[in-house]
Amino acid sequence: MTTEVRKLDKAHYSQWYDNLTLAFGGLHEAEEERALWDELVEFDRAFAAWDGAELIGTASGFAFRMTVPGGAPVPANGVTMVSVADTHRRQGVLTAMMRRQLDEVRALGEPLSVLTASEAPIYGRFGYEAATRMVRARIDAHRVRVAAPEGTERVRVRRAGLLESLPACEAVYAALVPGRPGLFARQPGWERLGVLDPEADRAGFSALRVVLAERDGEVVGFTRFQVKPVWDTAGTPHGEVRVRNLEALDPAAYAALLRHVLSLDLMETVELSRTPVDAPWQALVSDVRRCRPTLREELYVRLVDVGAALAARTYQVPVDVVVEVRDDFCPWNEGRWRLRGGPEGAQCVRTEDAADLALSVRELGGAYLGGTSLTEFAAAGRVRELRAGALGPVSLAFGSQVAPFLAHGF
């Protein structure tokens, strides 16, 4: 087999997309969902792998701008729509596509590449590492109460139309973006992802509803959720609420929205489907055990240009360290780098000085947004301290006061 990876020709797009859905089980996709992805796909970042005249692989990317520690938006290629035909697995097709993609991202001068993985082990060999985590919760609404921070009584919650409320919800999201690493500045069209609600995907739940939180006439938060009425044979209600978004600009607005979804009539269980690991609901509820939280990784980060990426973020405390980096897939990153920085900014350049720490590009990706510490990687034997005492201060510098978070998939 001879694999050739080429830019996607628009004439082959329908075939390319059909191959993608087939690789993910061939599940039917609602018309409105397919239409949205058709609109969002970036053809200048899309590739197809061919075996002669047979299309055997797909891969694409999105031009994101992602918040990093310090609040700056940094260009990041969002890897997406990756698939290999089942007839051509383990024949180097994925490697060829990732090679082409990372080479082009480097040529574009973008320092980061990010992705979500359908299966966790796939992308480590290409230098990606999990950098954000999220918490899902299933809350017993009958037994859990929500505290009321000061000012909650001044927050008004009201229902709103899904599309009518979209500009106000997007304004709340945009205000939150600079304050949390991992969030993407929303590009045109992406706002529709949050209100995508195909009837075929509801699984017995209602259409998506929106409730806004307002103070003095200004929208300061929102939640989007669905409800599913459930009754047992005795006629007792055991309904479920599935919360897609719960975002607010201050503690009082957040608490008011959380109280609302936990107090809906006839509902017994409230599922928060995606929240940061430091989400305030954990400190507001009366019994976190009855919320049954579960943790999983989300966004994977890869430093395409180590020097540019490390210089693009800030650091919690002053840092001056030489790191020896191993990068088997992108050898231009190999070698020693001196990082000097602090809360005001940083620079990172090549050096011949003796290294203080040794690690691979994967550990740098995992620690980049401040969600996983270098000391955690060191405890697993993945970071080596070459100068006694170097690890602790550097790990502290790489941290973030706010947990990184991926607000939506791509």
Protein backbone atom coordinates (compact mmCIF):
# COMPACT_ATOMS: atom_id res chain seq x y z
CA MET A 1 0.00 0.00 0.00
CA THR A 2 1.18 3.51 -0.86
CA THR A 3 -0.51 6.20 1.20
CA GLU A 4 -0.74 9.70 -0.19
CA VAL A 5 -2.01 12.52 2.00
CA ARG A 6 -3.43 15.47 0.08
CA LYS A 7 -5.43 18.59 0.83
CA LEU A 8 -9.13 17.84 0.61
CA ASP A 9 -10.67 18.75 -2.71
CA LYS A 10 -14.18 20.14 -2.22
CA ALA A 11 -15.39 17.76 -4.94
CA HIS A 12 -14.58 14.85 -2.58
CA TYR A 13 -16.04 16.41 0.57
CA SER A 14 -19.25 14.35 0.67
CA GLN A 15 -17.29 11.11 0.25
CA TRP A 16 -14.76 12.30 2.84
CA TYR A 17 -17.49 13.08 5.41
CA ASP A 18 -19.27 9.78 4.75
CA ASN A 19 -16.00 7.94 5.44
CA LEU A 20 -15.69 9.85 8.70
CA THR A 21 -19.17 8.91 9.93
CA LEU A 22 -18.64 5.29 8.86
CA ALA A 23 -15.45 5.11 10.96
CA PHE A 24 -17.40 6.32 13.99
CA GLY A 25 -19.98 3.56 13.70
CA GLY A 26 -22.01 4.83 10.78
CA LEU A 27 -24.56 6.43 13.11
CA HIS A 28 -27.20 8.62 11.55
CA GLU A 29 -26.51 12.32 11.97
CA ALA A 30 -29.33 14.84 12.14
CA GLU A 31 -29.64 17.19 9.19
CA GLU A 32 -29.05 20.31 11.24
CA GLU A 33 -25.92 18.85 12.84
CA ARG A 34 -24.45 17.84 9.49
CA ALA A 35 -25.29 21.27 8.09
CA LEU A 36 -23.44 23.01 10.91
CA TRP A 37 -20.25 20.97 10.46
CA ASP A 38 -20.50 21.47 6.69
CA GLU A 39 -20.41 25.21 7.37
CA LEU A 40 -17.64 25.13 9.98
CA VAL A 41 -15.16 22.83 8.20
CA GLU A 42 -11.99 24.68 7.13
CA PHE A 43 -10.92 23.25 3.78
CA ASP A 44 -7.45 24.77 3.94
CA ARG A 45 -6.83 22.60 7.03
CA ALA A 46 -8.58 19.43 5.80
CA PHE A 47 -6.70 16.41 4.47
CA ALA A 48 -7.61 13.12 2.85
CA ALA A 49 -5.47 9.99 2.76
CA TRP A 50 -5.65 7.94 -0.41
CA ASP A 51 -4.68 4.42 -1.38
CA GLY A 52 -4.69 4.83 -5.12
CA ALA A 53 -8.23 5.94 -5.99
CA GLU A 54 -9.63 4.87 -2.61
CA LEU A 55 -10.19 7.46 0.11
CA ILE A 56 -9.00 5.77 3.31
CA GLY A 57 -8.41 8.54 5.87
CA THR A 58 -9.71 11.92 7.01
CA ALA A 59 -8.28 14.67 9.18
CA SER A 60 -8.93 18.37 9.60
CA GLY A 61 -8.34 21.30 11.91
CA PHE A 62 -9.91 24.48 13.22
CA ALA A 63 -8.11 27.79 13.69
CA PHE A 64 -8.80 28.43 17.36
CA ARG A 65 -7.56 31.13 19.70
CA MET A 66 -7.24 29.57 23.15
CA THR A 67 -6.81 31.28 26.52
CA VAL A 68 -3.59 30.32 28.30
CA PRO A 69 -2.43 31.22 31.84
CA GLY A 70 -2.16 34.99 31.97
CA GLY A 71 -5.31 35.46 29.90
CA ALA A 72 -3.75 35.85 26.46
CA PRO A 73 -5.42 34.20 23.45
CA VAL A 74 -2.89 31.99 21.61
CA PRO A 75 -3.37 30.43 18.15
CA ALA A 76 -4.06 26.71 18.43
CA ASN A 77 -4.89 24.21 15.71
CA GLY A 78 -7.91 22.17 16.79
CA VAL A 79 -7.46 18.66 15.40
CA THR A 80 -10.79 17.19 14.34
CA MET A 81 -12.59 14.74 12.05
CA VAL A 82 -9.80 12.15 12.19
CA SER A 83 -10.57 8.67 10.91
CA VAL A 84 -8.94 5.70 9.17
CA ALA A 85 -10.87 3.10 7.18
CA ASP A 86 -11.15 -0.22 8.99
CA THR A 87 -9.47 -1.92 6.02
CA HIS A 88 -6.33 0.19 6.50
CA ARG A 89 -5.77 0.26 10.25
CA ARG A 90 -2.23 -0.12 11.63
CA GLN A 91 -0.67 0.60 8.26
CA GLY A 92 0.73 4.06 9.01
CA VAL A 93 -2.21 6.07 7.67
CA LEU A 94 -2.84 8.03 10.87
CA THR A 95 0.89 8.68 11.30
CA ALA A 96 1.10 10.05 7.75
CA MET A 97 -1.84 12.39 8.34
CA MET A 98 -0.52 13.62 11.69
CA ARG A 99 2.91 14.18 10.14
CA ARG A 100 1.41 16.32 7.37
CA GLN A 101 -0.83 18.23 9.74
CA LEU A 102 1.83 19.13 12.30
CA ASP A 103 4.26 20.16 9.57
CA GLU A 104 1.64 22.56 8.18
CA VAL A 105 0.72 23.92 11.62
CA ARG A 106 4.39 24.67 12.18
CA ALA A 107 4.60 26.39 8.79
CA LEU A 108 1.62 28.56 9.79
CA GLY A 109 3.54 29.67 12.88
CA GLU A 110 0.95 28.33 15.31
CA PRO A 111 2.64 27.19 18.55
CA LEU A 112 -0.05 24.80 19.78
CA SER A 113 -2.18 21.93 18.55
CA VAL A 114 -5.11 20.60 20.59
CA LEU A 115 -7.63 17.78 20.33
CA THR A 116 -10.15 15.60 22.10
CA ALA A 117 -9.60 11.86 21.82
CA SER A 118 -12.22 9.21 21.15
CA GLU A 119 -9.79 6.76 22.76
CA ALA A 120 -7.23 8.03 25.27
CA PRO A 121 -4.10 6.08 24.14
CA ILE A 122 -4.18 7.14 20.48
CA TYR A 123 -2.34 10.46 20.40
CA GLY A 124 0.43 10.16 22.96
CA ARG A 125 2.85 8.88 20.35
CA PHE A 126 2.35 12.12 18.45
CA GLY A 127 3.23 14.26 21.48
CA TYR A 128 -0.25 15.09 22.82
CA GLU A 129 -1.10 14.90 26.52
CA ALA A 130 -4.29 15.50 28.51
CA ALA A 131 -4.21 19.06 29.85
CA THR A 132 -7.76 19.65 31.11
CA ARG A 133 -10.23 17.61 33.09
CA MET A 134 -13.95 17.97 33.60
CA VAL A 135 -16.42 16.81 36.24
CA ARG A 136 -19.82 15.33 35.54
CA ALA A 137 -22.35 15.10 38.39
CA ARG A 138 -25.70 13.39 38.96
CA ILE A 139 -27.32 15.27 41.81
CA ASP A 140 -30.10 13.96 44.05
CA ALA A 141 -32.26 17.08 43.86
CA HIS A 142 -34.52 15.95 46.72
CA ARG A 143 -31.66 15.71 49.21
CA VAL A 144 -29.26 18.44 48.13
CA ARG A 145 -29.69 22.09 48.98
CA VAL A 146 -27.84 25.09 47.55
CA ALA A 147 -26.30 27.83 49.70
CA ALA A 148 -27.19 31.43 48.94
CA PRO A 149 -24.17 33.76 48.64
CA GLU A 150 -24.67 37.43 49.42
CA GLY A 151 -26.67 39.12 46.68
CA THR A 152 -28.54 36.04 45.49
CA GLU A 153 -31.86 37.65 46.40
CA ARG A 154 -31.14 40.42 43.87
CA VAL A 155 -30.80 37.98 40.98
CA ARG A 156 -33.87 37.41 38.85
CA VAL A 157 -34.17 34.22 36.80
CA ARG A 158 -36.44 34.15 33.79
CA ARG A 159 -37.14 31.87 30.87
CA ALA A 160 -36.06 32.97 27.40
CA GLY A 161 -36.20 31.69 23.85
CA LEU A 162 -33.29 29.55 22.67
CA LEU A 163 -32.33 31.77 19.72
CA GLU A 164 -33.60 35.02 21.19
CA SER A 165 -31.26 34.60 24.16
CA LEU A 166 -28.22 33.59 22.12
CA PRO A 167 -26.55 37.05 21.94
CA ALA A 168 -26.87 37.57 25.70
CA CYS A 169 -25.51 34.07 26.44
CA GLU A 170 -22.60 34.62 24.07
CA ALA A 171 -21.78 37.91 25.81
CA VAL A 172 -21.55 36.05 29.14
CA TYR A 173 -19.32 33.39 27.61
CA ALA A 174 -17.07 36.00 25.97
CA ALA A 175 -16.61 37.74 29.32
CA LEU A 176 -15.50 34.44 30.89
CA VAL A 177 -13.01 33.47 28.16
CA PRO A 178 -9.99 35.53 29.32
CA GLY A 179 -10.29 34.26 32.88
CA ARG A 180 -10.01 30.51 32.30
CA PRO A 181 -7.24 28.66 30.44
CA GLY A 182 -8.50 26.26 27.79
CA LEU A 183 -11.49 28.33 26.68
CA PHE A 184 -11.72 29.27 23.00
CA ALA A 185 -12.69 32.71 21.76
CA ARG A 186 -15.83 31.96 19.77
CA GLN A 187 -15.46 32.36 16.01
CA PRO A 188 -18.50 33.16 13.80
CA GLY A 189 -20.78 30.16 13.48
CA TRP A 190 -19.57 28.41 16.62
CA GLU A 191 -22.27 30.02 18.76
CA ARG A 192 -24.77 27.70 17.02
CA LEU A 193 -23.11 24.63 18.54
CA GLY A 194 -24.48 25.54 21.96
CA VAL A 195 -28.07 25.60 20.73
CA LEU A 196 -27.89 22.57 18.44
CA ASP A 197 -30.81 20.39 19.53
CA PRO A 198 -31.76 17.67 17.02
CA GLU A 199 -35.00 15.97 18.01
CA ALA A 200 -33.55 12.57 17.11
CA ASP A 201 -30.84 12.98 19.77
CA ARG A 202 -33.07 13.87 22.72
CA ALA A 203 -33.60 10.30 23.98
CA GLY A 204 -36.89 11.18 25.67
CA PHE A 205 -35.75 14.57 26.95
CA SER A 206 -37.51 17.81 26.09
CA ALA A 207 -36.32 20.44 23.67
CA LEU A 208 -33.49 22.58 25.02
CA ARG A 209 -34.66 25.29 27.44
CA VAL A 210 -32.92 28.50 28.50
CA VAL A 211 -33.10 30.40 31.77
CA LEU A 212 -31.28 33.71 32.17
CA ALA A 213 -30.00 35.27 35.38
CA GLU A 214 -30.41 39.04 35.49
CA ARG A 215 -29.41 41.79 37.86
CA ASP A 216 -30.63 45.36 37.35
CA GLY A 217 -31.79 44.39 33.87
CA GLU A 218 -28.39 43.01 32.79
CA VAL A 219 -27.85 39.35 31.95
CA VAL A 220 -25.20 37.95 34.31
CA GLY A 221 -25.60 34.23 33.67
CA PHE A 222 -27.51 31.52 31.85
CA THR A 223 -28.30 27.84 31.90
CA ARG A 224 -29.45 25.56 29.10
CA PHE A 225 -31.10 22.29 30.07
CA GLN A 226 -33.56 19.56 29.10
CA VAL A 227 -36.09 17.70 31.24
CA LYS A 228 -37.34 14.12 31.04
CA PRO A 229 -40.54 13.25 32.93
CA VAL A 230 -40.34 9.80 34.52
CA TRP A 231 -43.15 8.16 36.57
CA ASP A 232 -43.14 4.85 38.39
CA THR A 233 -46.11 2.45 38.51
CA ALA A 234 -47.39 4.11 41.69
CA GLY A 235 -47.54 7.46 39.94
CA THR A 236 -44.53 8.92 41.77
CA PRO A 237 -42.39 11.32 39.68
CA HIS A 238 -38.68 10.57 39.20
CA GLY A 239 -37.88 13.05 36.44
CA GLU A 240 -34.40 13.91 35.18
CA VAL A 241 -32.80 17.22 34.24
CA ARG A 242 -29.82 17.30 31.90
CA VAL A 243 -27.89 20.58 32.17
CA ARG A 244 -25.80 21.41 29.13
CA ASN A 245 -24.50 24.83 30.27
CA LEU A 246 -24.45 26.74 33.53
CA GLU A 247 -22.37 29.90 33.28
CA ALA A 248 -22.39 33.05 35.39
CA LEU A 249 -20.32 36.15 35.99
CA ASP A 250 -20.52 36.09 39.80
CA PRO A 251 -21.27 33.69 42.70
CA ALA A 252 -24.80 34.97 43.33
CA ALA A 253 -25.90 34.49 39.73
CA TYR A 254 -24.35 31.03 39.63
CA ALA A 255 -26.12 29.99 42.84
CA ALA A 256 -29.46 31.34 41.60
CA LEU A 257 -29.21 29.28 38.41
CA LEU A 258 -28.10 26.14 40.25
CA ARG A 259 -31.01 26.53 42.68
CA HIS A 260 -33.38 26.84 39.76
CA VAL A 261 -32.40 23.60 38.05
CA LEU A 262 -32.40 21.73 41.38
CA SER A 263 -35.89 22.91 42.27
CA LEU A 264 -37.79 22.07 39.09
CA ASP A 265 -41.10 20.37 39.80
CA LEU A 266 -41.33 16.57 39.32
CA MET A 267 -37.57 16.23 38.84
CA GLU A 268 -35.47 13.95 41.03
CA THR A 269 -32.04 13.86 39.37
CA VAL A 270 -30.08 16.74 37.88
CA GLU A 271 -27.10 15.91 35.68
CA LEU A 272 -24.42 18.55 35.22
CA SER A 273 -22.89 17.16 32.05
CA ARG A 274 -19.68 19.21 31.86
CA THR A 275 -18.14 21.44 34.55
CA PRO A 276 -14.59 22.53 35.49
CA VAL A 277 -12.89 20.64 38.31
CA ASP A 278 -13.11 23.83 40.40
CA ALA A 279 -16.74 24.57 39.48
CA PRO A 280 -18.49 26.42 42.34
CA TRP A 281 -21.40 23.96 42.60
CA GLN A 282 -19.12 21.71 44.68
CA ALA A 283 -18.84 24.38 47.38
CA LEU A 284 -22.50 25.43 47.17
CA VAL A 285 -24.22 22.07 47.63
CA SER A 286 -25.11 20.71 51.05
CA ASP A 287 -23.90 17.15 50.32
CA VAL A 288 -21.36 16.61 47.56
CA ARG A 289 -21.54 12.83 48.00
CA ARG A 290 -25.13 12.87 46.80
CA CYS A 291 -23.91 14.60 43.64
CA ARG A 292 -21.94 11.50 42.53
CA PRO A 293 -19.16 13.41 40.73
CA THR A 294 -17.07 11.63 38.10
CA LEU A 295 -13.81 12.87 36.60
CA ARG A 296 -12.41 12.46 33.11
CA GLU A 297 -9.79 14.05 30.90
CA GLU A 298 -10.87 16.32 28.05
CA LEU A 299 -8.51 18.54 26.04
CA TYR A 300 -5.14 17.22 24.87
CA VAL A 301 -2.38 19.75 24.18
CA ARG A 302 0.72 19.48 21.98
CA LEU A 303 3.47 22.10 21.81
CA VAL A 304 4.28 22.51 18.13
CA ASP A 305 6.93 25.16 18.85
CA VAL A 306 8.29 24.76 22.38
CA GLY A 307 9.97 28.17 22.52
CA ALA A 308 7.00 30.13 21.20
CA ALA A 309 4.46 28.20 23.27
CA LEU A 310 6.29 28.61 26.58
CA ALA A 311 6.85 32.30 25.88
CA ALA A 312 3.15 32.85 25.10
CA ARG A 313 1.89 32.29 28.66
CA THR A 314 2.71 33.80 32.02
CA TYR A 315 3.89 32.04 35.20
CA GLN A 316 2.59 32.26 38.76
CA VAL A 317 5.98 33.06 40.28
CA PRO A 318 9.32 34.07 38.76
CA VAL A 319 11.02 31.18 37.00
CA ASP A 320 14.47 30.73 35.45
CA VAL A 321 15.01 27.14 34.36
CA VAL A 322 16.69 25.09 31.65
CA VAL A 323 14.61 22.15 30.42
CA GLU A 324 15.92 19.36 28.26
CA VAL A 325 13.10 18.35 25.92
CA ARG A 326 12.65 15.08 24.07
CA ASP A 327 10.31 15.11 21.06
CA ASP A 328 10.40 12.03 18.86
CA PHE A 329 7.72 13.17 16.41
CA CYS A 330 8.70 16.84 16.00
CA PRO A 331 12.51 16.77 16.31
CA TRP A 332 12.83 20.53 15.82
CA ASN A 333 11.78 20.81 19.49
CA GLU A 334 14.57 18.55 20.77
CA GLY A 335 17.25 20.07 22.97
CA ARG A 336 17.69 22.47 25.85
CA TRP A 337 15.51 25.53 26.36
CA ARG A 338 15.96 28.31 28.90
CA LEU A 339 12.67 29.65 30.19
CA ARG A 340 12.68 32.96 32.05
CA GLY A 341 9.41 34.47 33.11
CA GLY A 342 6.88 35.39 35.72
CA PRO A 343 3.45 36.99 36.13
CA GLU A 344 4.24 39.74 33.60
CA GLY A 345 5.47 37.59 30.72
CA ALA A 346 8.18 35.20 29.58
CA GLN A 347 10.82 34.36 27.02
CA CYS A 348 12.11 30.94 26.02
CA VAL A 349 15.23 30.41 23.88
CA ARG A 350 17.65 27.63 23.05
CA THR A 351 20.70 27.25 25.25
CA GLU A 352 23.77 25.09 25.79
CA ASP A 353 23.60 25.55 29.57
CA ALA A 354 23.23 22.53 31.82
CA ALA A 355 19.63 21.34 32.17
CA ASP A 356 17.70 21.55 35.45
CA LEU A 357 14.84 19.25 34.36
CA ALA A 358 14.45 16.59 31.66
CA LEU A 359 11.08 15.68 30.19
CA SER A 360 9.30 15.02 26.91
CA VAL A 361 7.05 17.36 24.98
CA ARG A 362 4.07 15.37 26.32
CA GLU A 363 4.68 16.48 29.90
CA LEU A 364 5.03 20.08 28.76
CA GLY A 365 1.68 19.76 26.99
CA GLY A 366 0.00 18.24 30.01
CA ALA A 367 1.29 20.98 32.33
CA TYR A 368 0.95 23.84 29.85
CA LEU A 369 -2.49 25.10 30.95
CA GLY A 370 -1.77 24.63 34.64
CA GLY A 371 -4.15 21.72 35.19
CA THR A 372 -1.57 18.99 35.90
CA SER A 373 1.57 19.75 37.88
CA LEU A 374 5.09 18.82 36.84
CA THR A 375 5.50 17.27 40.30
CA GLU A 376 2.64 14.90 39.46
CA PHE A 377 4.44 13.83 36.30
CA ALA A 378 7.70 13.52 38.26
CA ALA A 379 6.01 11.23 40.78
CA ALA A 380 5.12 8.98 37.84
CA GLY A 381 8.75 9.00 36.65
CA ARG A 382 7.99 11.17 33.64
CA VAL A 383 9.98 14.27 34.70
CA ARG A 384 13.56 13.99 35.97
CA GLU A 385 15.07 16.57 38.29
CA LEU A 386 18.68 17.10 37.18
CA ARG A 387 19.44 19.91 39.62
CA ALA A 388 18.38 19.31 43.22
CA GLY A 389 15.51 21.57 44.26
CA ALA A 390 14.61 22.70 40.73
CA LEU A 391 11.33 20.82 40.37
CA GLY A 392 9.17 22.39 43.07
CA PRO A 393 9.53 26.07 42.13
CA VAL A 394 9.13 25.32 38.40
CA SER A 395 6.02 23.23 39.04
CA LEU A 396 4.54 26.07 41.10
CA ALA A 397 5.31 28.55 38.32
CA PHE A 398 3.50 26.42 35.72
CA GLY A 399 0.32 26.28 37.82
CA SER A 400 -2.90 28.21 37.33
CA GLN A 401 -5.17 29.72 39.99
CA VAL A 402 -8.15 28.75 37.82
CA ALA A 403 -8.53 25.20 36.55
CA PRO A 404 -8.29 24.90 32.76
CA PHE A 405 -11.47 23.77 31.05
CA LEU A 406 -12.81 22.84 27.62
CA ALA A 407 -16.30 24.32 27.33
CA HIS A 408 -17.39 22.30 24.27
CA GLY A 409 -16.15 19.62 21.97
CA PHE A 410 -15.10 20.05 18.36
